[in-house]
Amino acid sequence: MVPIHGLNGPGLDEVGLCAWIAQAEPGETLVYHRGFLAVDATSVVSRLSSEQQSSLQQVAAAAMRAADQGLVHLVQTRLGPDEFAYIAIARPRPGPPGAPLSMRLLEAA
């Protein structure tokens, strides 16, 4: 498991998430956020800067699009009170063999 994004860690942007999806083997996991996503992405209650909130919103939207395309499973696990790890799990590549993943990621954008 590779932790990437959280209140105290380095940020992951949408491009970084897509790059991970493109190279991840089925079953590999990535923690794309650690905290409380609904709170952290909402300007009224978030402790993140507006730039971090925007980045988090983009990463979360990209993760959801990738899940909709069948590229990842999205799960979460509770770490403590009001703290969760949001995890993407790489799935086997959909589509015919040789189908370019970059095209599927672009379609999901």
Foldseek 3Di string as FASTA:
>chain_A
DAEAEEPPHHAAALVNVLVCLQPDDAFDKYQRYKFQLVQCLDVVRHPDDPVRSVRSVRNVLLLVLCVVLVQWDWDWDDPDVRIIGIMTGGHPDDDDPPDDPVVSSVVSD
